[in-house]
Amino acid sequence: MAAAVALPLHNAARAAVGVGPVTWDTSVQAFAENYARQRAGDCRLIHSSNRNNLGENLFWGGAGRDWTAADAVNLWVGEKNDYNYASNSCAQGKVCGHYTQVVWRASTSVGCARAVCSNGRGVFITCNYKPAGNFAGQRPY
C-alpha cells in the first residue's frame, strides 16, 4: 500500500491537534503486509498477537466496493467526533481508539497494508504504528 495515500491523511489529522507528523516505515509496512496476508483467508478483525510494541488499527469493508487506505484512515479519523479530550474518553457506546492511535504523539512512524479477502467478502486493511500508543490513563496529545 502506497505511503502516498495513507501518510498525508494521518499527518493531516495529527496536524489538526498540534502533533508532529509520522513517517512511513518500510519495516512497519512489511509487518502490516505479512499480517494482511494472514488475514486474507477470513478477513476477520482480529489483532495480530505479536506486534513487538507496534500499535494497530484494522478495517474491513464489504464486497462490492474497492475499499482503499483513504477509506480506512478517514473512518478512523472520523472517530474524533466521539473522543472527549477533557475526560480522555469516548462517548458512551462509541469507539475512538483508532483515532487516538492515529494522533498518538509518541508514535513516530506508520506502515499499512491491504488485502482482498479470499472468501470474496471484501477488503482487509491494517495500519501499524511505531511505537504503539493508547496506553490507559494517558492522553494521545
Foldseek 3Di string as FASTA:
>chain_A
DDCVQQQVLLQVLQVVVPAHGAAADVVQQVVQAVVQVVCLAPLDPDDDDDPPQKAKDKDWDWADDDDDSNNRSVVLLVQVVQADQVVRDGHPPGDNVSNLFSNQRPFRYKHKDKHHRPVRTTIMIMMITPRTDDDPPDGSD
